[in-house]
Amino acid sequence: MAYDNAVSALGKICQFHRDSIDSTQIIPAWLSCLPIKGDLIEAKVVHELLCSMVERSDMELLGPNNQYVPKIVSVFA
């Protein structure tokens, strides 16, 4: 559970405090921690954050040349 909460907190930092982090390093690290399966409450929060970032075509999330799209699709699958 602590791991899931930490992943959720990192996602919130990526979403709401982007200017305070090196998003080109942190967002791929956060994405590599997904999907969350242990804590269903945090999983819902994290996956909603991911959906929000995808909906706005977040360039750091999608990666250079959309290289993270396969990982994003696997999280949703």
PDB file of N, CA and C in Angstrom:
ATOM      1  N   MET A   1       0.802  -1.201   0.000  1.00  0.00           N
ATOM      2  CA  MET A   1       0.000   0.000   0.000  1.00  0.00           C
ATOM      3  C   MET A   1       0.844   1.264   0.000  1.00  0.00           C
ATOM      4  N   ALA A   2       1.931   1.265   0.723  1.00  0.00           N
ATOM      5  CA  ALA A   2       2.775   2.461   0.760  1.00  0.00           C
ATOM      6  C   ALA A   2       3.342   2.757  -0.626  1.00  0.00           C
ATOM      7  N   TYR A   3       3.701   1.700  -1.364  1.00  0.00           N
ATOM      8  CA  TYR A   3       4.215   1.872  -2.716  1.00  0.00           C
ATOM      9  C   TYR A   3       3.161   2.542  -3.589  1.00  0.00           C
ATOM     10  N   ASP A   4       1.929   2.048  -3.528  1.00  0.00           N
ATOM     11  CA  ASP A   4       0.849   2.611  -4.326  1.00  0.00           C
ATOM     12  C   ASP A   4       0.593   4.067  -3.964  1.00  0.00           C
ATOM     13  N   ASN A   5       0.663   4.393  -2.678  1.00  0.00           N
ATOM     14  CA  ASN A   5       0.471   5.777  -2.241  1.00  0.00           C
ATOM     15  C   ASN A   5       1.604   6.665  -2.742  1.00  0.00           C
ATOM     16  N   ALA A   6       2.819   6.144  -2.747  1.00  0.00           N
ATOM     17  CA  ALA A   6       3.954   6.916  -3.251  1.00  0.00           C
ATOM     18  C   ALA A   6       3.821   7.175  -4.749  1.00  0.00           C
ATOM     19  N   VAL A   7       3.379   6.170  -5.490  1.00  0.00           N
ATOM     20  CA  VAL A   7       3.166   6.327  -6.936  1.00  0.00           C
ATOM     21  C   VAL A   7       2.068   7.367  -7.179  1.00  0.00           C
ATOM     22  N   SER A   8       1.029   7.323  -6.380  1.00  0.00           N
ATOM     23  CA  SER A   8      -0.051   8.296  -6.503  1.00  0.00           C
ATOM     24  C   SER A   8       0.452   9.713  -6.215  1.00  0.00           C
ATOM     25  N   ALA A   9       1.245   9.858  -5.166  1.00  0.00           N
ATOM     26  CA  ALA A   9       1.790  11.176  -4.820  1.00  0.00           C
ATOM     27  C   ALA A   9       2.683  11.702  -5.941  1.00  0.00           C
ATOM     28  N   LEU A  10       3.492  10.830  -6.511  1.00  0.00           N
ATOM     29  CA  LEU A  10       4.356  11.239  -7.614  1.00  0.00           C
ATOM     30  C   LEU A  10       3.527  11.682  -8.819  1.00  0.00           C
ATOM     31  N   GLY A  11       2.442  10.973  -9.091  1.00  0.00           N
ATOM     32  CA  GLY A  11       1.552  11.365 -10.184  1.00  0.00           C
ATOM     33  C   GLY A  11       0.937  12.731  -9.959  1.00  0.00           C
ATOM     34  N   LYS A  12       0.561  13.008  -8.720  1.00  0.00           N
ATOM     35  CA  LYS A  12      -0.018  14.317  -8.400  1.00  0.00           C
ATOM     36  C   LYS A  12       1.016  15.425  -8.560  1.00  0.00           C
ATOM     37  N   ILE A  13       2.253  15.128  -8.193  1.00  0.00           N
ATOM     38  CA  ILE A  13       3.322  16.106  -8.399  1.00  0.00           C
ATOM     39  C   ILE A  13       3.502  16.375  -9.893  1.00  0.00           C
ATOM     40  N   CYS A  14       3.480  15.306 -10.677  1.00  0.00           N
ATOM     41  CA  CYS A  14       3.605  15.459 -12.137  1.00  0.00           C
ATOM     42  C   CYS A  14       2.458  16.286 -12.711  1.00  0.00           C
ATOM     43  N   GLN A  15       1.286  16.120 -12.161  1.00  0.00           N
ATOM     44  CA  GLN A  15       0.104  16.803 -12.671  1.00  0.00           C
ATOM     45  C   GLN A  15       0.052  18.275 -12.228  1.00  0.00           C
ATOM     46  N   PHE A  16       0.339  18.528 -10.953  1.00  0.00           N
ATOM     47  CA  PHE A  16       0.051  19.850 -10.396  1.00  0.00           C
ATOM     48  C   PHE A  16       1.269  20.715 -10.095  1.00  0.00           C
ATOM     49  N   HIS A  17       2.465  20.128 -10.095  1.00  0.00           N
ATOM     50  CA  HIS A  17       3.672  20.898  -9.780  1.00  0.00           C
ATOM     51  C   HIS A  17       4.757  20.651 -10.819  1.00  0.00           C
ATOM     52  N   ARG A  18       4.351  20.599 -12.048  1.00  0.00           N
ATOM     53  CA  ARG A  18       5.241  20.277 -13.160  1.00  0.00           C
ATOM     54  C   ARG A  18       6.433  21.218 -13.237  1.00  0.00           C
ATOM     55  N   ASP A  19       6.227  22.479 -12.910  1.00  0.00           N
ATOM     56  CA  ASP A  19       7.313  23.455 -13.026  1.00  0.00           C
ATOM     57  C   ASP A  19       8.402  23.270 -11.962  1.00  0.00           C
ATOM     58  N   SER A  20       8.133  22.443 -10.956  1.00  0.00           N
ATOM     59  CA  SER A  20       9.098  22.232  -9.875  1.00  0.00           C
ATOM     60  C   SER A  20       9.947  20.978 -10.056  1.00  0.00           C
ATOM     61  N   ILE A  21       9.703  20.222 -11.116  1.00  0.00           N
ATOM     62  CA  ILE A  21      10.412  18.955 -11.318  1.00  0.00           C
ATOM     63  C   ILE A  21      11.000  18.894 -12.725  1.00  0.00           C
ATOM     64  N   ASP A  22      11.880  17.937 -12.915  1.00  0.00           N
ATOM     65  CA  ASP A  22      12.386  17.643 -14.261  1.00  0.00           C
ATOM     66  C   ASP A  22      11.429  16.602 -14.855  1.00  0.00           C
ATOM     67  N   SER A  23      10.379  17.089 -15.481  1.00  0.00           N
ATOM     68  CA  SER A  23       9.309  16.211 -15.942  1.00  0.00           C
ATOM     69  C   SER A  23       9.754  15.212 -17.003  1.00  0.00           C
ATOM     70  N   THR A  24      10.801  15.524 -17.739  1.00  0.00           N
ATOM     71  CA  THR A  24      11.268  14.581 -18.754  1.00  0.00           C
ATOM     72  C   THR A  24      11.891  13.344 -18.115  1.00  0.00           C
ATOM     73  N   GLN A  25      12.279  13.441 -16.850  1.00  0.00           N
ATOM     74  CA  GLN A  25      12.835  12.299 -16.118  1.00  0.00           C
ATOM     75  C   GLN A  25      11.788  11.654 -15.208  1.00  0.00           C
ATOM     76  N   ILE A  26      10.986  12.465 -14.551  1.00  0.00           N
ATOM     77  CA  ILE A  26      10.065  11.974 -13.530  1.00  0.00           C
ATOM     78  C   ILE A  26       8.841  11.296 -14.138  1.00  0.00           C
ATOM     79  N   ILE A  27       8.263  11.866 -15.172  1.00  0.00           N
ATOM     80  CA  ILE A  27       7.047  11.287 -15.754  1.00  0.00           C
ATOM     81  C   ILE A  27       7.294   9.885 -16.309  1.00  0.00           C
ATOM     82  N   PRO A  28       8.367   9.631 -17.048  1.00  0.00           N
ATOM     83  CA  PRO A  28       8.607   8.241 -17.482  1.00  0.00           C
ATOM     84  C   PRO A  28       8.826   7.280 -16.307  1.00  0.00           C
ATOM     85  N   ALA A  29       9.461   7.757 -15.241  1.00  0.00           N
ATOM     86  CA  ALA A  29       9.650   6.913 -14.052  1.00  0.00           C
ATOM     87  C   ALA A  29       8.301   6.591 -13.422  1.00  0.00           C
ATOM     88  N   TRP A  30       7.424   7.589 -13.340  1.00  0.00           N
ATOM     89  CA  TRP A  30       6.076   7.376 -12.795  1.00  0.00           C
ATOM     90  C   TRP A  30       5.306   6.398 -13.669  1.00  0.00           C
ATOM     91  N   LEU A  31       5.387   6.586 -14.961  1.00  0.00           N
ATOM     92  CA  LEU A  31       4.679   5.709 -15.893  1.00  0.00           C
ATOM     93  C   LEU A  31       5.150   4.268 -15.762  1.00  0.00           C
ATOM     94  N   SER A  32       6.425   4.076 -15.488  1.00  0.00           N
ATOM     95  CA  SER A  32       6.951   2.713 -15.355  1.00  0.00           C
ATOM     96  C   SER A  32       6.410   1.999 -14.119  1.00  0.00           C
ATOM     97  N   CYS A  33       5.854   2.744 -13.170  1.00  0.00           N
ATOM     98  CA  CYS A  33       5.278   2.158 -11.949  1.00  0.00           C
ATOM     99  C   CYS A  33       3.825   1.721 -12.140  1.00  0.00           C
ATOM    100  N   LEU A  34       3.257   2.026 -13.266  1.00  0.00           N
ATOM    101  CA  LEU A  34       1.848   1.722 -13.519  1.00  0.00           C
ATOM    102  C   LEU A  34       1.707   0.403 -14.256  1.00  0.00           C
ATOM    103  N   PRO A  35       0.608  -0.288 -14.135  1.00  0.00           N
ATOM    104  CA  PRO A  35      -0.606   0.055 -13.401  1.00  0.00           C
ATOM    105  C   PRO A  35      -0.494  -0.303 -11.923  1.00  0.00           C
ATOM    106  N   ILE A  36      -1.293   0.361 -11.129  1.00  0.00           N
ATOM    107  CA  ILE A  36      -1.407   0.057  -9.705  1.00  0.00           C
ATOM    108  C   ILE A  36      -2.500  -0.994  -9.553  1.00  0.00           C
ATOM    109  N   LYS A  37      -2.188  -2.040  -8.809  1.00  0.00           N
ATOM    110  CA  LYS A  37      -3.160  -3.127  -8.645  1.00  0.00           C
ATOM    111  C   LYS A  37      -3.503  -3.426  -7.189  1.00  0.00           C
ATOM    112  N   GLY A  38      -2.668  -2.999  -6.258  1.00  0.00           N
ATOM    113  CA  GLY A  38      -2.864  -3.362  -4.862  1.00  0.00           C
ATOM    114  C   GLY A  38      -3.918  -2.537  -4.143  1.00  0.00           C
ATOM    115  N   ASP A  39      -3.858  -1.238  -4.264  1.00  0.00           N
ATOM    116  CA  ASP A  39      -4.757  -0.318  -3.573  1.00  0.00           C
ATOM    117  C   ASP A  39      -5.729   0.251  -4.600  1.00  0.00           C
ATOM    118  N   LEU A  40      -6.931  -0.260  -4.601  1.00  0.00           N
ATOM    119  CA  LEU A  40      -7.893   0.127  -5.632  1.00  0.00           C
ATOM    120  C   LEU A  40      -8.303   1.588  -5.557  1.00  0.00           C
ATOM    121  N   ILE A  41      -8.296   2.171  -4.367  1.00  0.00           N
ATOM    122  CA  ILE A  41      -8.643   3.585  -4.237  1.00  0.00           C
ATOM    123  C   ILE A  41      -7.566   4.442  -4.897  1.00  0.00           C
ATOM    124  N   GLU A  42      -6.305   4.156  -4.584  1.00  0.00           N
ATOM    125  CA  GLU A  42      -5.219   4.906  -5.212  1.00  0.00           C
ATOM    126  C   GLU A  42      -5.129   4.604  -6.701  1.00  0.00           C
ATOM    127  N   ALA A  43      -5.433   3.392  -7.094  1.00  0.00           N
ATOM    128  CA  ALA A  43      -5.410   3.036  -8.516  1.00  0.00           C
ATOM    129  C   ALA A  43      -6.375   3.916  -9.295  1.00  0.00           C
ATOM    130  N   LYS A  44      -7.550   4.131  -8.739  1.00  0.00           N
ATOM    131  CA  LYS A  44      -8.537   4.980  -9.414  1.00  0.00           C
ATOM    132  C   LYS A  44      -8.011   6.404  -9.571  1.00  0.00           C
ATOM    133  N   VAL A  45      -7.407   6.937  -8.530  1.00  0.00           N
ATOM    134  CA  VAL A  45      -6.864   8.294  -8.570  1.00  0.00           C
ATOM    135  C   VAL A  45      -5.762   8.389  -9.620  1.00  0.00           C
ATOM    136  N   VAL A  46      -4.834   7.438  -9.587  1.00  0.00           N
ATOM    137  CA  VAL A  46      -3.691   7.463 -10.498  1.00  0.00           C
ATOM    138  C   VAL A  46      -4.133   7.310 -11.943  1.00  0.00           C
ATOM    139  N   HIS A  47      -5.045   6.404 -12.186  1.00  0.00           N
ATOM    140  CA  HIS A  47      -5.480   6.177 -13.558  1.00  0.00           C
ATOM    141  C   HIS A  47      -6.314   7.345 -14.080  1.00  0.00           C
ATOM    142  N   GLU A  48      -7.004   8.055 -13.192  1.00  0.00           N
ATOM    143  CA  GLU A  48      -7.687   9.284 -13.605  1.00  0.00           C
ATOM    144  C   GLU A  48      -6.666  10.371 -13.975  1.00  0.00           C
ATOM    145  N   LEU A  49      -5.572  10.447 -13.211  1.00  0.00           N
ATOM    146  CA  LEU A  49      -4.496  11.390 -13.567  1.00  0.00           C
ATOM    147  C   LEU A  49      -3.931  11.052 -14.934  1.00  0.00           C
ATOM    148  N   LEU A  50      -3.696   9.775 -15.163  1.00  0.00           N
ATOM    149  CA  LEU A  50      -3.164   9.335 -16.457  1.00  0.00           C
ATOM    150  C   LEU A  50      -4.136   9.700 -17.576  1.00  0.00           C
ATOM    151  N   CYS A  51      -5.412   9.454 -17.373  1.00  0.00           N
ATOM    152  CA  CYS A  51      -6.413   9.813 -18.383  1.00  0.00           C
ATOM    153  C   CYS A  51      -6.394  11.306 -18.670  1.00  0.00           C
ATOM    154  N   SER A  52      -6.296  12.102 -17.632  1.00  0.00           N
ATOM    155  CA  SER A  52      -6.262  13.550 -17.794  1.00  0.00           C
ATOM    156  C   SER A  52      -5.056  13.983 -18.622  1.00  0.00           C
ATOM    157  N   MET A  53      -3.908  13.378 -18.356  1.00  0.00           N
ATOM    158  CA  MET A  53      -2.702  13.726 -19.101  1.00  0.00           C
ATOM    159  C   MET A  53      -2.808  13.285 -20.559  1.00  0.00           C
ATOM    160  N   VAL A  54      -3.394  12.140 -20.791  1.00  0.00           N
ATOM    161  CA  VAL A  54      -3.569  11.653 -22.168  1.00  0.00           C
ATOM    162  C   VAL A  54      -4.543  12.555 -22.917  1.00  0.00           C
ATOM    163  N   GLU A  55      -5.644  12.933 -22.269  1.00  0.00           N
ATOM    164  CA  GLU A  55      -6.652  13.777 -22.909  1.00  0.00           C
ATOM    165  C   GLU A  55      -6.089  15.113 -23.364  1.00  0.00           C
ATOM    166  N   ARG A  56      -5.133  15.627 -22.629  1.00  0.00           N
ATOM    167  CA  ARG A  56      -4.565  16.919 -23.027  1.00  0.00           C
ATOM    168  C   ARG A  56      -3.292  16.747 -23.861  1.00  0.00           C
ATOM    169  N   SER A  57      -3.028  15.528 -24.305  1.00  0.00           N
ATOM    170  CA  SER A  57      -1.867  15.211 -25.160  1.00  0.00           C
ATOM    171  C   SER A  57      -0.567  15.713 -24.551  1.00  0.00           C
ATOM    172  N   ASP A  58      -0.364  15.386 -23.284  1.00  0.00           N
ATOM    173  CA  ASP A  58       0.823  15.779 -22.543  1.00  0.00           C
ATOM    174  C   ASP A  58       2.078  15.240 -23.234  1.00  0.00           C
ATOM    175  N   MET A  59       2.925  16.134 -23.710  1.00  0.00           N
ATOM    176  CA  MET A  59       4.089  15.722 -24.500  1.00  0.00           C
ATOM    177  C   MET A  59       5.111  14.936 -23.679  1.00  0.00           C
ATOM    178  N   GLU A  60       5.304  15.288 -22.409  1.00  0.00           N
ATOM    179  CA  GLU A  60       6.237  14.534 -21.582  1.00  0.00           C
ATOM    180  C   GLU A  60       5.719  13.127 -21.315  1.00  0.00           C
ATOM    181  N   LEU A  61       4.416  12.989 -21.189  1.00  0.00           N
ATOM    182  CA  LEU A  61       3.822  11.667 -20.973  1.00  0.00           C
ATOM    183  C   LEU A  61       3.934  10.815 -22.223  1.00  0.00           C
ATOM    184  N   LEU A  62       3.628  11.382 -23.361  1.00  0.00           N
ATOM    185  CA  LEU A  62       3.671  10.620 -24.613  1.00  0.00           C
ATOM    186  C   LEU A  62       5.105  10.310 -25.028  1.00  0.00           C
ATOM    187  N   GLY A  63       6.031  11.174 -24.653  1.00  0.00           N
ATOM    188  CA  GLY A  63       7.440  10.951 -24.938  1.00  0.00           C
ATOM    189  C   GLY A  63       7.833  11.400 -26.324  1.00  0.00           C
ATOM    190  N   PRO A  64       9.152  11.459 -26.547  1.00  0.00           N
ATOM    191  CA  PRO A  64       9.634  11.837 -27.879  1.00  0.00           C
ATOM    192  C   PRO A  64       9.188  10.794 -28.901  1.00  0.00           C
ATOM    193  N   ASN A  65       8.648  11.279 -29.994  1.00  0.00           N
ATOM    194  CA  ASN A  65       8.128  10.394 -31.050  1.00  0.00           C
ATOM    195  C   ASN A  65       7.081   9.412 -30.524  1.00  0.00           C
ATOM    196  N   ASN A  66       6.335   9.825 -29.490  1.00  0.00           N
ATOM    197  CA  ASN A  66       5.270   9.011 -28.886  1.00  0.00           C
ATOM    198  C   ASN A  66       5.776   7.649 -28.401  1.00  0.00           C
ATOM    199  N   GLN A  67       7.004   7.602 -27.904  1.00  0.00           N
ATOM    200  CA  GLN A  67       7.592   6.327 -27.513  1.00  0.00           C
ATOM    201  C   GLN A  67       6.931   5.679 -26.307  1.00  0.00           C
ATOM    202  N   TYR A  68       6.207   6.441 -25.481  1.00  0.00           N
ATOM    203  CA  TYR A  68       5.566   5.864 -24.294  1.00  0.00           C
ATOM    204  C   TYR A  68       4.120   5.435 -24.539  1.00  0.00           C
ATOM    205  N   VAL A  69       3.619   5.653 -25.735  1.00  0.00           N
ATOM    206  CA  VAL A  69       2.230   5.281 -26.045  1.00  0.00           C
ATOM    207  C   VAL A  69       1.973   3.788 -25.828  1.00  0.00           C
ATOM    208  N   PRO A  70       2.867   2.881 -26.256  1.00  0.00           N
ATOM    209  CA  PRO A  70       2.610   1.458 -25.983  1.00  0.00           C
ATOM    210  C   PRO A  70       2.470   1.149 -24.485  1.00  0.00           C
ATOM    211  N   LYS A  71       3.273   1.789 -23.641  1.00  0.00           N
ATOM    212  CA  LYS A  71       3.165   1.583 -22.197  1.00  0.00           C
ATOM    213  C   LYS A  71       1.833   2.114 -21.692  1.00  0.00           C
ATOM    214  N   ILE A  72       1.413   3.268 -22.174  1.00  0.00           N
ATOM    215  CA  ILE A  72       0.138   3.855 -21.753  1.00  0.00           C
ATOM    216  C   ILE A  72      -1.009   2.916 -22.129  1.00  0.00           C
ATOM    217  N   VAL A  73      -0.971   2.396 -23.337  1.00  0.00           N
ATOM    218  CA  VAL A  73      -2.011   1.471 -23.781  1.00  0.00           C
ATOM    219  C   VAL A  73      -2.019   0.217 -22.909  1.00  0.00           C
ATOM    220  N   SER A  74      -0.837  -0.285 -22.559  1.00  0.00           N
ATOM    221  CA  SER A  74      -0.791  -1.487 -21.715  1.00  0.00           C
ATOM    222  C   SER A  74      -1.332  -1.224 -20.316  1.00  0.00           C
ATOM    223  N   VAL A  75      -1.159  -0.006 -19.813  1.00  0.00           N
ATOM    224  CA  VAL A  75      -1.727   0.341 -18.511  1.00  0.00           C
ATOM    225  C   VAL A  75      -3.246   0.309 -18.584  1.00  0.00           C
ATOM    226  N   PHE A  76      -3.797   0.851 -19.655  1.00  0.00           N
ATOM    227  CA  PHE A  76      -5.252   0.864 -19.793  1.00  0.00           C
ATOM    228  C   PHE A  76      -5.817  -0.535 -20.088  1.00  0.00           C
ATOM    229  N   ALA A  77      -5.007  -1.365 -20.703  1.00  0.00           N
ATOM    230  CA  ALA A  77      -5.478  -2.711 -21.027  1.00  0.00           C
ATOM    231  C   ALA A  77      -5.496  -3.550 -19.776  1.00  0.00           C
TER     232      ALA A  77
END
